Amino acid sequence: MRALRAWLDAAGISAGPIFRGVAKGGKTVRQGRLDPGSVARITKRAAARAGLPDANDFSGHSLRSGLATEAARSGATDNAIMDQTGHTHMRSVKRYIRRGRRFTDNVLNSIDL
């Protein structure tokens, strides 16, 4: 929250999109939302800096998927997740959550191997 507050204050954002483009030189924050291509490039660079071996496999969609998965792991309801992510079909949200629980909710964790 501190980082978000610092960004909003520095960019002078009080309404509208939170994540916006910044003109070259970093001194001018644009009014419109960040375009999907920019989100994908930023996400790939962040994954690479984090040392993830398959950084090019990440995209803006990875952020949405990660949010849904972590929210479910933390006990958020499916409806609350859908409200946040904008999903309109429960089936889509369930796929995200199921993929995210492959290892934590795996039946093999229940047996002594």
PDB file of N, CA and C in Angstrom:
ATOM      1  N   MET A   1       0.812  -1.184   0.000  1.00  0.00           N
ATOM      2  CA  MET A   1       0.000   0.000   0.000  1.00  0.00           C
ATOM      3  C   MET A   1       0.866   1.262   0.000  1.00  0.00           C
ATOM      4  N   ARG A   2       1.992   1.197   0.684  1.00  0.00           N
ATOM      5  CA  ARG A   2       2.871   2.381   0.696  1.00  0.00           C
ATOM      6  C   ARG A   2       3.383   2.697  -0.707  1.00  0.00           C
ATOM      7  N   ALA A   3       3.750   1.663  -1.459  1.00  0.00           N
ATOM      8  CA  ALA A   3       4.237   1.881  -2.820  1.00  0.00           C
ATOM      9  C   ALA A   3       3.126   2.450  -3.703  1.00  0.00           C
ATOM     10  N   LEU A   4       1.924   1.918  -3.564  1.00  0.00           N
ATOM     11  CA  LEU A   4       0.791   2.420  -4.346  1.00  0.00           C
ATOM     12  C   LEU A   4       0.507   3.877  -3.993  1.00  0.00           C
ATOM     13  N   ARG A   5       0.474   4.179  -2.704  1.00  0.00           N
ATOM     14  CA  ARG A   5       0.210   5.559  -2.267  1.00  0.00           C
ATOM     15  C   ARG A   5       1.288   6.504  -2.809  1.00  0.00           C
ATOM     16  N   ALA A   6       2.535   6.061  -2.764  1.00  0.00           N
ATOM     17  CA  ALA A   6       3.634   6.887  -3.263  1.00  0.00           C
ATOM     18  C   ALA A   6       3.456   7.148  -4.758  1.00  0.00           C
ATOM     19  N   TRP A   7       3.063   6.111  -5.533  1.00  0.00           N
ATOM     20  CA  TRP A   7       2.849   6.276  -6.965  1.00  0.00           C
ATOM     21  C   TRP A   7       1.705   7.257  -7.228  1.00  0.00           C
ATOM     22  N   LEU A   8       0.585   7.070  -6.541  1.00  0.00           N
ATOM     23  CA  LEU A   8      -0.566   7.947  -6.755  1.00  0.00           C
ATOM     24  C   LEU A   8      -0.219   9.400  -6.443  1.00  0.00           C
ATOM     25  N   ASP A   9       0.502   9.598  -5.357  1.00  0.00           N
ATOM     26  CA  ASP A   9       0.905  10.961  -4.976  1.00  0.00           C
ATOM     27  C   ASP A   9       1.871  11.561  -5.990  1.00  0.00           C
ATOM     28  N   ALA A  10       2.888  10.796  -6.373  1.00  0.00           N
ATOM     29  CA  ALA A  10       3.893  11.300  -7.310  1.00  0.00           C
ATOM     30  C   ALA A  10       3.288  11.588  -8.678  1.00  0.00           C
ATOM     31  N   ALA A  11       2.331  10.762  -9.105  1.00  0.00           N
ATOM     32  CA  ALA A  11       1.722  10.927 -10.420  1.00  0.00           C
ATOM     33  C   ALA A  11       0.551  11.910 -10.395  1.00  0.00           C
ATOM     34  N   GLY A  12       0.127  12.294  -9.202  1.00  0.00           N
ATOM     35  CA  GLY A  12      -1.008  13.208  -9.097  1.00  0.00           C
ATOM     36  C   GLY A  12      -2.322  12.560  -9.491  1.00  0.00           C
ATOM     37  N   ILE A  13      -2.443  11.268  -9.226  1.00  0.00           N
ATOM     38  CA  ILE A  13      -3.654  10.530  -9.593  1.00  0.00           C
ATOM     39  C   ILE A  13      -4.638  10.536  -8.432  1.00  0.00           C
ATOM     40  N   SER A  14      -5.829  11.061  -8.693  1.00  0.00           N
ATOM     41  CA  SER A  14      -6.879  11.038  -7.671  1.00  0.00           C
ATOM     42  C   SER A  14      -8.129  10.327  -8.188  1.00  0.00           C
ATOM     43  N   ALA A  15      -8.174  10.065  -9.486  1.00  0.00           N
ATOM     44  CA  ALA A  15      -9.301   9.356 -10.094  1.00  0.00           C
ATOM     45  C   ALA A  15      -8.824   8.733 -11.407  1.00  0.00           C
ATOM     46  N   GLY A  16      -9.580   7.753 -11.873  1.00  0.00           N
ATOM     47  CA  GLY A  16      -9.247   7.112 -13.139  1.00  0.00           C
ATOM     48  C   GLY A  16      -8.292   5.953 -12.971  1.00  0.00           C
ATOM     49  N   PRO A  17      -7.706   5.527 -14.089  1.00  0.00           N
ATOM     50  CA  PRO A  17      -6.809   4.366 -14.046  1.00  0.00           C
ATOM     51  C   PRO A  17      -5.615   4.602 -13.115  1.00  0.00           C
ATOM     52  N   ILE A  18      -5.242   3.559 -12.405  1.00  0.00           N
ATOM     53  CA  ILE A  18      -4.080   3.642 -11.508  1.00  0.00           C
ATOM     54  C   ILE A  18      -2.793   3.471 -12.297  1.00  0.00           C
ATOM     55  N   PHE A  19      -2.769   2.479 -13.173  1.00  0.00           N
ATOM     56  CA  PHE A  19      -1.561   2.177 -13.929  1.00  0.00           C
ATOM     57  C   PHE A  19      -1.638   2.848 -15.287  1.00  0.00           C
ATOM     58  N   ARG A  20      -0.754   3.808 -15.494  1.00  0.00           N
ATOM     59  CA  ARG A  20      -0.770   4.633 -16.698  1.00  0.00           C
ATOM     60  C   ARG A  20       0.604   4.658 -17.324  1.00  0.00           C
ATOM     61  N   GLY A  21       0.626   5.002 -18.593  1.00  0.00           N
ATOM     62  CA  GLY A  21       1.890   5.157 -19.282  1.00  0.00           C
ATOM     63  C   GLY A  21       2.638   6.380 -18.777  1.00  0.00           C
ATOM     64  N   VAL A  22       3.938   6.318 -18.917  1.00  0.00           N
ATOM     65  CA  VAL A  22       4.795   7.437 -18.543  1.00  0.00           C
ATOM     66  C   VAL A  22       5.614   7.797 -19.783  1.00  0.00           C
ATOM     67  N   ALA A  23       5.624   9.084 -20.134  1.00  0.00           N
ATOM     68  CA  ALA A  23       6.363   9.528 -21.310  1.00  0.00           C
ATOM     69  C   ALA A  23       7.852   9.325 -21.100  1.00  0.00           C
ATOM     70  N   LYS A  24       8.579   9.223 -22.210  1.00  0.00           N
ATOM     71  CA  LYS A  24      10.029   9.061 -22.115  1.00  0.00           C
ATOM     72  C   LYS A  24      10.618  10.165 -21.259  1.00  0.00           C
ATOM     73  N   GLY A  25      11.549   9.809 -20.426  1.00  0.00           N
ATOM     74  CA  GLY A  25      12.134  10.754 -19.496  1.00  0.00           C
ATOM     75  C   GLY A  25      11.492  10.649 -18.121  1.00  0.00           C
ATOM     76  N   GLY A  26      10.303  10.016 -18.072  1.00  0.00           N
ATOM     77  CA  GLY A  26       9.658   9.747 -16.796  1.00  0.00           C
ATOM     78  C   GLY A  26       9.046  10.934 -16.089  1.00  0.00           C
ATOM     79  N   LYS A  27       8.861  12.058 -16.784  1.00  0.00           N
ATOM     80  CA  LYS A  27       8.348  13.243 -16.095  1.00  0.00           C
ATOM     81  C   LYS A  27       6.867  13.501 -16.343  1.00  0.00           C
ATOM     82  N   THR A  28       6.308  12.861 -17.347  1.00  0.00           N
ATOM     83  CA  THR A  28       4.907  13.096 -17.676  1.00  0.00           C
ATOM     84  C   THR A  28       4.126  11.788 -17.602  1.00  0.00           C
ATOM     85  N   VAL A  29       3.103  11.773 -16.741  1.00  0.00           N
ATOM     86  CA  VAL A  29       2.228  10.606 -16.621  1.00  0.00           C
ATOM     87  C   VAL A  29       1.033  10.828 -17.542  1.00  0.00           C
ATOM     88  N   ARG A  30       0.761   9.860 -18.375  1.00  0.00           N
ATOM     89  CA  ARG A  30      -0.348   9.977 -19.324  1.00  0.00           C
ATOM     90  C   ARG A  30      -1.692   9.794 -18.607  1.00  0.00           C
ATOM     91  N   GLN A  31      -2.736  10.223 -19.238  1.00  0.00           N
ATOM     92  CA  GLN A  31      -4.078  10.140 -18.643  1.00  0.00           C
ATOM     93  C   GLN A  31      -4.710   8.761 -18.765  1.00  0.00           C
ATOM     94  N   GLY A  32      -4.487   8.091 -19.892  1.00  0.00           N
ATOM     95  CA  GLY A  32      -5.140   6.807 -20.140  1.00  0.00           C
ATOM     96  C   GLY A  32      -4.451   5.646 -19.454  1.00  0.00           C
ATOM     97  N   ARG A  33      -5.155   4.558 -19.411  1.00  0.00           N
ATOM     98  CA  ARG A  33      -4.614   3.338 -18.789  1.00  0.00           C
ATOM     99  C   ARG A  33      -3.471   2.769 -19.621  1.00  0.00           C
ATOM    100  N   LEU A  34      -2.649   1.998 -18.969  1.00  0.00           N
ATOM    101  CA  LEU A  34      -1.545   1.304 -19.632  1.00  0.00           C
ATOM    102  C   LEU A  34      -2.132   0.307 -20.633  1.00  0.00           C
ATOM    103  N   ASP A  35      -1.584   0.242 -21.830  1.00  0.00           N
ATOM    104  CA  ASP A  35      -2.133  -0.688 -22.814  1.00  0.00           C
ATOM    105  C   ASP A  35      -1.643  -2.108 -22.526  1.00  0.00           C
ATOM    106  N   PRO A  36      -2.398  -3.127 -22.977  1.00  0.00           N
ATOM    107  CA  PRO A  36      -2.050  -4.526 -22.684  1.00  0.00           C
ATOM    108  C   PRO A  36      -0.640  -4.922 -23.117  1.00  0.00           C
ATOM    109  N   GLY A  37      -0.166  -4.397 -24.240  1.00  0.00           N
ATOM    110  CA  GLY A  37       1.191  -4.720 -24.693  1.00  0.00           C
ATOM    111  C   GLY A  37       2.242  -4.231 -23.709  1.00  0.00           C
ATOM    112  N   SER A  38       2.026  -3.058 -23.151  1.00  0.00           N
ATOM    113  CA  SER A  38       2.959  -2.527 -22.153  1.00  0.00           C
ATOM    114  C   SER A  38       2.946  -3.377 -20.895  1.00  0.00           C
ATOM    115  N   VAL A  39       1.755  -3.777 -20.474  1.00  0.00           N
ATOM    116  CA  VAL A  39       1.649  -4.630 -19.283  1.00  0.00           C
ATOM    117  C   VAL A  39       2.410  -5.930 -19.508  1.00  0.00           C
ATOM    118  N   ALA A  40       2.270  -6.517 -20.687  1.00  0.00           N
ATOM    119  CA  ALA A  40       2.971  -7.769 -21.005  1.00  0.00           C
ATOM    120  C   ALA A  40       4.482  -7.569 -20.960  1.00  0.00           C
ATOM    121  N   ARG A  41       4.971  -6.499 -21.559  1.00  0.00           N
ATOM    122  CA  ARG A  41       6.427  -6.246 -21.567  1.00  0.00           C
ATOM    123  C   ARG A  41       6.961  -6.005 -20.155  1.00  0.00           C
ATOM    124  N   ILE A  42       6.239  -5.244 -19.369  1.00  0.00           N
ATOM    125  CA  ILE A  42       6.656  -4.956 -17.992  1.00  0.00           C
ATOM    126  C   ILE A  42       6.689  -6.246 -17.172  1.00  0.00           C
ATOM    127  N   THR A  43       5.666  -7.070 -17.351  1.00  0.00           N
ATOM    128  CA  THR A  43       5.586  -8.333 -16.604  1.00  0.00           C
ATOM    129  C   THR A  43       6.729  -9.260 -16.989  1.00  0.00           C
ATOM    130  N   LYS A  44       7.038  -9.365 -18.266  1.00  0.00           N
ATOM    131  CA  LYS A  44       8.148 -10.221 -18.722  1.00  0.00           C
ATOM    132  C   LYS A  44       9.481  -9.727 -18.150  1.00  0.00           C
ATOM    133  N   ARG A  45       9.700  -8.412 -18.173  1.00  0.00           N
ATOM    134  CA  ARG A  45      10.951  -7.861 -17.621  1.00  0.00           C
ATOM    135  C   ARG A  45      11.050  -8.126 -16.126  1.00  0.00           C
ATOM    136  N   ALA A  46       9.945  -7.969 -15.415  1.00  0.00           N
ATOM    137  CA  ALA A  46       9.957  -8.219 -13.966  1.00  0.00           C
ATOM    138  C   ALA A  46      10.234  -9.693 -13.674  1.00  0.00           C
ATOM    139  N   ALA A  47       9.649 -10.593 -14.464  1.00  0.00           N
ATOM    140  CA  ALA A  47       9.890 -12.032 -14.286  1.00  0.00           C
ATOM    141  C   ALA A  47      11.356 -12.358 -14.553  1.00  0.00           C
ATOM    142  N   ALA A  48      11.933 -11.740 -15.565  1.00  0.00           N
ATOM    143  CA  ALA A  48      13.349 -11.969 -15.875  1.00  0.00           C
ATOM    144  C   ALA A  48      14.235 -11.442 -14.749  1.00  0.00           C
ATOM    145  N   ARG A  49      13.928 -10.243 -14.235  1.00  0.00           N
ATOM    146  CA  ARG A  49      14.725  -9.685 -13.126  1.00  0.00           C
ATOM    147  C   ARG A  49      14.615 -10.536 -11.867  1.00  0.00           C
ATOM    148  N   ALA A  50      13.466 -11.213 -11.715  1.00  0.00           N
ATOM    149  CA  ALA A  50      13.274 -12.087 -10.558  1.00  0.00           C
ATOM    150  C   ALA A  50      14.012 -13.413 -10.733  1.00  0.00           C
ATOM    151  N   GLY A  51      14.586 -13.611 -11.921  1.00  0.00           N
ATOM    152  CA  GLY A  51      15.349 -14.833 -12.170  1.00  0.00           C
ATOM    153  C   GLY A  51      14.507 -16.016 -12.613  1.00  0.00           C
ATOM    154  N   LEU A  52      13.277 -15.784 -13.022  1.00  0.00           N
ATOM    155  CA  LEU A  52      12.436 -16.890 -13.468  1.00  0.00           C
ATOM    156  C   LEU A  52      12.942 -17.380 -14.824  1.00  0.00           C
ATOM    157  N   PRO A  53      13.117 -18.680 -14.985  1.00  0.00           N
ATOM    158  CA  PRO A  53      13.728 -19.211 -16.210  1.00  0.00           C
ATOM    159  C   PRO A  53      12.879 -19.021 -17.461  1.00  0.00           C
ATOM    160  N   ASP A  54      11.574 -18.971 -17.315  1.00  0.00           N
ATOM    161  CA  ASP A  54      10.689 -18.850 -18.476  1.00  0.00           C
ATOM    162  C   ASP A  54       9.978 -17.504 -18.473  1.00  0.00           C
ATOM    163  N   ALA A  55      10.726 -16.430 -18.319  1.00  0.00           N
ATOM    164  CA  ALA A  55      10.147 -15.097 -18.191  1.00  0.00           C
ATOM    165  C   ALA A  55       9.246 -14.738 -19.367  1.00  0.00           C
ATOM    166  N   ASN A  56       9.550 -15.225 -20.548  1.00  0.00           N
ATOM    167  CA  ASN A  56       8.724 -14.900 -21.707  1.00  0.00           C
ATOM    168  C   ASN A  56       7.360 -15.570 -21.674  1.00  0.00           C
ATOM    169  N   ASP A  57       7.170 -16.526 -20.772  1.00  0.00           N
ATOM    170  CA  ASP A  57       5.873 -17.183 -20.639  1.00  0.00           C
ATOM    171  C   ASP A  57       4.895 -16.358 -19.809  1.00  0.00           C
ATOM    172  N   PHE A  58       5.368 -15.275 -19.198  1.00  0.00           N
ATOM    173  CA  PHE A  58       4.520 -14.457 -18.339  1.00  0.00           C
ATOM    174  C   PHE A  58       3.924 -13.303 -19.127  1.00  0.00           C
ATOM    175  N   SER A  59       2.755 -12.848 -18.671  1.00  0.00           N
ATOM    176  CA  SER A  59       2.073 -11.736 -19.334  1.00  0.00           C
ATOM    177  C   SER A  59       1.171 -11.054 -18.309  1.00  0.00           C
ATOM    178  N   GLY A  60       0.415 -10.087 -18.769  1.00  0.00           N
ATOM    179  CA  GLY A  60      -0.557  -9.453 -17.894  1.00  0.00           C
ATOM    180  C   GLY A  60      -1.574 -10.457 -17.392  1.00  0.00           C
ATOM    181  N   HIS A  61      -1.871 -11.428 -18.226  1.00  0.00           N
ATOM    182  CA  HIS A  61      -2.805 -12.482 -17.816  1.00  0.00           C
ATOM    183  C   HIS A  61      -2.272 -13.234 -16.598  1.00  0.00           C
ATOM    184  N   SER A  62      -0.962 -13.371 -16.492  1.00  0.00           N
ATOM    185  CA  SER A  62      -0.353 -14.041 -15.346  1.00  0.00           C
ATOM    186  C   SER A  62      -0.696 -13.309 -14.055  1.00  0.00           C
ATOM    187  N   LEU A  63      -0.783 -11.990 -14.120  1.00  0.00           N
ATOM    188  CA  LEU A  63      -1.123 -11.209 -12.937  1.00  0.00           C
ATOM    189  C   LEU A  63      -2.558 -11.484 -12.499  1.00  0.00           C
ATOM    190  N   ARG A  64      -3.444 -11.548 -13.466  1.00  0.00           N
ATOM    191  CA  ARG A  64      -4.855 -11.829 -13.164  1.00  0.00           C
ATOM    192  C   ARG A  64      -5.007 -13.233 -12.589  1.00  0.00           C
ATOM    193  N   SER A  65      -4.338 -14.171 -13.206  1.00  0.00           N
ATOM    194  CA  SER A  65      -4.378 -15.551 -12.744  1.00  0.00           C
ATOM    195  C   SER A  65      -3.794 -15.678 -11.341  1.00  0.00           C
ATOM    196  N   GLY A  66      -2.659 -15.019 -11.124  1.00  0.00           N
ATOM    197  CA  GLY A  66      -2.025 -15.071  -9.803  1.00  0.00           C
ATOM    198  C   GLY A  66      -2.892 -14.467  -8.724  1.00  0.00           C
ATOM    199  N   LEU A  67      -3.558 -13.367  -9.038  1.00  0.00           N
ATOM    200  CA  LEU A  67      -4.457 -12.745  -8.069  1.00  0.00           C
ATOM    201  C   LEU A  67      -5.576 -13.706  -7.692  1.00  0.00           C
ATOM    202  N   ALA A  68      -6.223 -14.308  -8.690  1.00  0.00           N
ATOM    203  CA  ALA A  68      -7.330 -15.226  -8.425  1.00  0.00           C
ATOM    204  C   ALA A  68      -6.862 -16.414  -7.595  1.00  0.00           C
ATOM    205  N   THR A  69      -5.722 -16.957  -7.933  1.00  0.00           N
ATOM    206  CA  THR A  69      -5.194 -18.125  -7.230  1.00  0.00           C
ATOM    207  C   THR A  69      -4.850 -17.793  -5.781  1.00  0.00           C
ATOM    208  N   GLU A  70      -4.117 -16.715  -5.571  1.00  0.00           N
ATOM    209  CA  GLU A  70      -3.713 -16.347  -4.211  1.00  0.00           C
ATOM    210  C   GLU A  70      -4.901 -15.919  -3.361  1.00  0.00           C
ATOM    211  N   ALA A  71      -5.866 -15.247  -3.969  1.00  0.00           N
ATOM    212  CA  ALA A  71      -7.066 -14.855  -3.228  1.00  0.00           C
ATOM    213  C   ALA A  71      -7.814 -16.101  -2.759  1.00  0.00           C
ATOM    214  N   ALA A  72      -7.934 -17.102  -3.623  1.00  0.00           N
ATOM    215  CA  ALA A  72      -8.614 -18.348  -3.244  1.00  0.00           C
ATOM    216  C   ALA A  72      -7.854 -19.061  -2.138  1.00  0.00           C
ATOM    217  N   ARG A  73      -6.531 -19.107  -2.246  1.00  0.00           N
ATOM    218  CA  ARG A  73      -5.715 -19.747  -1.204  1.00  0.00           C
ATOM    219  C   ARG A  73      -5.886 -19.050   0.144  1.00  0.00           C
ATOM    220  N   SER A  74      -6.158 -17.748   0.087  1.00  0.00           N
ATOM    221  CA  SER A  74      -6.309 -16.967   1.314  1.00  0.00           C
ATOM    222  C   SER A  74      -7.738 -16.962   1.837  1.00  0.00           C
ATOM    223  N   GLY A  75      -8.629 -17.680   1.149  1.00  0.00           N
ATOM    224  CA  GLY A  75      -9.990 -17.824   1.644  1.00  0.00           C
ATOM    225  C   GLY A  75     -11.025 -16.906   1.020  1.00  0.00           C
ATOM    226  N   ALA A  76     -10.666 -16.128  -0.005  1.00  0.00           N
ATOM    227  CA  ALA A  76     -11.654 -15.272  -0.663  1.00  0.00           C
ATOM    228  C   ALA A  76     -12.704 -16.135  -1.355  1.00  0.00           C
ATOM    229  N   THR A  77     -13.923 -15.651  -1.376  1.00  0.00           N
ATOM    230  CA  THR A  77     -14.989 -16.385  -2.049  1.00  0.00           C
ATOM    231  C   THR A  77     -14.839 -16.243  -3.563  1.00  0.00           C
ATOM    232  N   ASP A  78     -15.416 -17.187  -4.272  1.00  0.00           N
ATOM    233  CA  ASP A  78     -15.378 -17.128  -5.739  1.00  0.00           C
ATOM    234  C   ASP A  78     -16.035 -15.839  -6.234  1.00  0.00           C
ATOM    235  N   ASN A  79     -17.145 -15.457  -5.606  1.00  0.00           N
ATOM    236  CA  ASN A  79     -17.840 -14.239  -6.040  1.00  0.00           C
ATOM    237  C   ASN A  79     -16.985 -12.999  -5.812  1.00  0.00           C
ATOM    238  N   ALA A  80     -16.267 -12.940  -4.710  1.00  0.00           N
ATOM    239  CA  ALA A  80     -15.395 -11.792  -4.449  1.00  0.00           C
ATOM    240  C   ALA A  80     -14.265 -11.744  -5.477  1.00  0.00           C
ATOM    241  N   ILE A  81     -13.730 -12.900  -5.822  1.00  0.00           N
ATOM    242  CA  ILE A  81     -12.674 -12.960  -6.838  1.00  0.00           C
ATOM    243  C   ILE A  81     -13.226 -12.483  -8.176  1.00  0.00           C
ATOM    244  N   MET A  82     -14.396 -12.946  -8.542  1.00  0.00           N
ATOM    245  CA  MET A  82     -15.008 -12.545  -9.804  1.00  0.00           C
ATOM    246  C   MET A  82     -15.271 -11.040  -9.840  1.00  0.00           C
ATOM    247  N   ASP A  83     -15.707 -10.471  -8.715  1.00  0.00           N
ATOM    248  CA  ASP A  83     -15.938  -9.026  -8.659  1.00  0.00           C
ATOM    249  C   ASP A  83     -14.651  -8.262  -8.932  1.00  0.00           C
ATOM    250  N   GLN A  84     -13.540  -8.768  -8.393  1.00  0.00           N
ATOM    251  CA  GLN A  84     -12.259  -8.079  -8.542  1.00  0.00           C
ATOM    252  C   GLN A  84     -11.663  -8.249  -9.938  1.00  0.00           C
ATOM    253  N   THR A  85     -11.746  -9.455 -10.478  1.00  0.00           N
ATOM    254  CA  THR A  85     -11.090  -9.736 -11.752  1.00  0.00           C
ATOM    255  C   THR A  85     -11.954  -9.421 -12.965  1.00  0.00           C
ATOM    256  N   GLY A  86     -13.258  -9.264 -12.748  1.00  0.00           N
ATOM    257  CA  GLY A  86     -14.148  -8.987 -13.863  1.00  0.00           C
ATOM    258  C   GLY A  86     -14.601 -10.230 -14.605  1.00  0.00           C
ATOM    259  N   HIS A  87     -14.327 -11.408 -14.060  1.00  0.00           N
ATOM    260  CA  HIS A  87     -14.810 -12.634 -14.688  1.00  0.00           C
ATOM    261  C   HIS A  87     -16.335 -12.660 -14.638  1.00  0.00           C
ATOM    262  N   THR A  88     -16.942 -13.188 -15.667  1.00  0.00           N
ATOM    263  CA  THR A  88     -18.401 -13.301 -15.685  1.00  0.00           C
ATOM    264  C   THR A  88     -18.867 -14.748 -15.611  1.00  0.00           C
ATOM    265  N   HIS A  89     -17.929 -15.691 -15.740  1.00  0.00           N
ATOM    266  CA  HIS A  89     -18.282 -17.109 -15.689  1.00  0.00           C
ATOM    267  C   HIS A  89     -17.495 -17.798 -14.575  1.00  0.00           C
ATOM    268  N   MET A  90     -18.210 -18.463 -13.711  1.00  0.00           N
ATOM    269  CA  MET A  90     -17.596 -19.186 -12.600  1.00  0.00           C
ATOM    270  C   MET A  90     -16.614 -20.233 -13.106  1.00  0.00           C
ATOM    271  N   ARG A  91     -16.914 -20.833 -14.241  1.00  0.00           N
ATOM    272  CA  ARG A  91     -16.054 -21.880 -14.805  1.00  0.00           C
ATOM    273  C   ARG A  91     -14.631 -21.356 -15.032  1.00  0.00           C
ATOM    274  N   SER A  92     -14.516 -20.133 -15.515  1.00  0.00           N
ATOM    275  CA  SER A  92     -13.194 -19.549 -15.770  1.00  0.00           C
ATOM    276  C   SER A  92     -12.417 -19.377 -14.478  1.00  0.00           C
ATOM    277  N   VAL A  93     -13.067 -18.855 -13.462  1.00  0.00           N
ATOM    278  CA  VAL A  93     -12.405 -18.643 -12.170  1.00  0.00           C
ATOM    279  C   VAL A  93     -11.982 -19.978 -11.577  1.00  0.00           C
ATOM    280  N   LYS A  94     -12.829 -20.974 -11.673  1.00  0.00           N
ATOM    281  CA  LYS A  94     -12.505 -22.303 -11.129  1.00  0.00           C
ATOM    282  C   LYS A  94     -11.263 -22.887 -11.806  1.00  0.00           C
ATOM    283  N   ARG A  95     -11.087 -22.631 -13.100  1.00  0.00           N
ATOM    284  CA  ARG A  95      -9.889 -23.132 -13.791  1.00  0.00           C
ATOM    285  C   ARG A  95      -8.630 -22.487 -13.215  1.00  0.00           C
ATOM    286  N   TYR A  96      -8.670 -21.188 -12.973  1.00  0.00           N
ATOM    287  CA  TYR A  96      -7.523 -20.508 -12.377  1.00  0.00           C
ATOM    288  C   TYR A  96      -7.179 -21.126 -11.023  1.00  0.00           C
ATOM    289  N   ILE A  97      -8.195 -21.275 -10.214  1.00  0.00           N
ATOM    290  CA  ILE A  97      -7.981 -21.757  -8.850  1.00  0.00           C
ATOM    291  C   ILE A  97      -7.495 -23.196  -8.855  1.00  0.00           C
ATOM    292  N   ARG A  98      -8.067 -24.019  -9.700  1.00  0.00           N
ATOM    293  CA  ARG A  98      -7.662 -25.433  -9.769  1.00  0.00           C
ATOM    294  C   ARG A  98      -6.193 -25.547 -10.171  1.00  0.00           C
ATOM    295  N   ARG A  99      -5.774 -24.763 -11.159  1.00  0.00           N
ATOM    296  CA  ARG A  99      -4.374 -24.797 -11.583  1.00  0.00           C
ATOM    297  C   ARG A  99      -3.452 -24.361 -10.458  1.00  0.00           C
ATOM    298  N   GLY A 100      -3.864 -23.386  -9.704  1.00  0.00           N
ATOM    299  CA  GLY A 100      -3.039 -22.867  -8.623  1.00  0.00           C
ATOM    300  C   GLY A 100      -2.931 -23.800  -7.435  1.00  0.00           C
ATOM    301  N   ARG A 101      -3.858 -24.733  -7.329  1.00  0.00           N
ATOM    302  CA  ARG A 101      -3.858 -25.657  -6.192  1.00  0.00           C
ATOM    303  C   ARG A 101      -3.303 -27.034  -6.532  1.00  0.00           C
ATOM    304  N   ARG A 102      -2.692 -27.175  -7.687  1.00  0.00           N
ATOM    305  CA  ARG A 102      -2.189 -28.484  -8.112  1.00  0.00           C
ATOM    306  C   ARG A 102      -1.266 -29.116  -7.080  1.00  0.00           C
ATOM    307  N   PHE A 103      -0.457 -28.315  -6.442  1.00  0.00           N
ATOM    308  CA  PHE A 103       0.521 -28.870  -5.511  1.00  0.00           C
ATOM    309  C   PHE A 103       0.061 -28.757  -4.059  1.00  0.00           C
ATOM    310  N   THR A 104      -0.615 -27.681  -3.708  1.00  0.00           N
ATOM    311  CA  THR A 104      -1.031 -27.520  -2.318  1.00  0.00           C
ATOM    312  C   THR A 104      -2.197 -28.423  -1.959  1.00  0.00           C
ATOM    313  N   ASP A 105      -3.099 -28.694  -2.891  1.00  0.00           N
ATOM    314  CA  ASP A 105      -4.257 -29.544  -2.627  1.00  0.00           C
ATOM    315  C   ASP A 105      -4.134 -30.898  -3.324  1.00  0.00           C
ATOM    316  N   ASN A 106      -2.926 -31.365  -3.488  1.00  0.00           N
ATOM    317  CA  ASN A 106      -2.687 -32.614  -4.182  1.00  0.00           C
ATOM    318  C   ASN A 106      -2.904 -33.777  -3.224  1.00  0.00           C
ATOM    319  N   VAL A 107      -3.619 -34.785  -3.655  1.00  0.00           N
ATOM    320  CA  VAL A 107      -3.925 -35.949  -2.823  1.00  0.00           C
ATOM    321  C   VAL A 107      -2.644 -36.648  -2.344  1.00  0.00           C
ATOM    322  N   LEU A 108      -1.558 -36.536  -3.107  1.00  0.00           N
ATOM    323  CA  LEU A 108      -0.319 -37.176  -2.703  1.00  0.00           C
ATOM    324  C   LEU A 108       0.254 -36.566  -1.420  1.00  0.00           C
ATOM    325  N   ASN A 109      -0.165 -35.346  -1.097  1.00  0.00           N
ATOM    326  CA  ASN A 109       0.286 -34.739   0.151  1.00  0.00           C
ATOM    327  C   ASN A 109      -0.318 -35.432   1.365  1.00  0.00           C
ATOM    328  N   SER A 110      -1.382 -36.208   1.152  1.00  0.00           N
ATOM    329  CA  SER A 110      -2.088 -36.868   2.245  1.00  0.00           C
ATOM    330  C   SER A 110      -1.515 -38.223   2.598  1.00  0.00           C
ATOM    331  N   ILE A 111      -0.638 -38.754   1.763  1.00  0.00           N
ATOM    332  CA  ILE A 111      -0.088 -40.065   2.049  1.00  0.00           C
ATOM    333  C   ILE A 111       1.404 -39.943   2.358  1.00  0.00           C
ATOM    334  N   ASP A 112       1.887 -40.833   3.139  1.00  0.00           N
ATOM    335  CA  ASP A 112       3.270 -40.775   3.606  1.00  0.00           C
ATOM    336  C   ASP A 112       4.179 -41.462   2.600  1.00  0.00           C
ATOM    337  N   LEU A 113       4.800 -40.662   1.734  1.00  0.00           N
ATOM    338  CA  LEU A 113       5.726 -41.216   0.746  1.00  0.00           C
ATOM    339  C   LEU A 113       7.149 -40.865   1.092  1.00  0.00           C
TER     340      LEU A 113
END
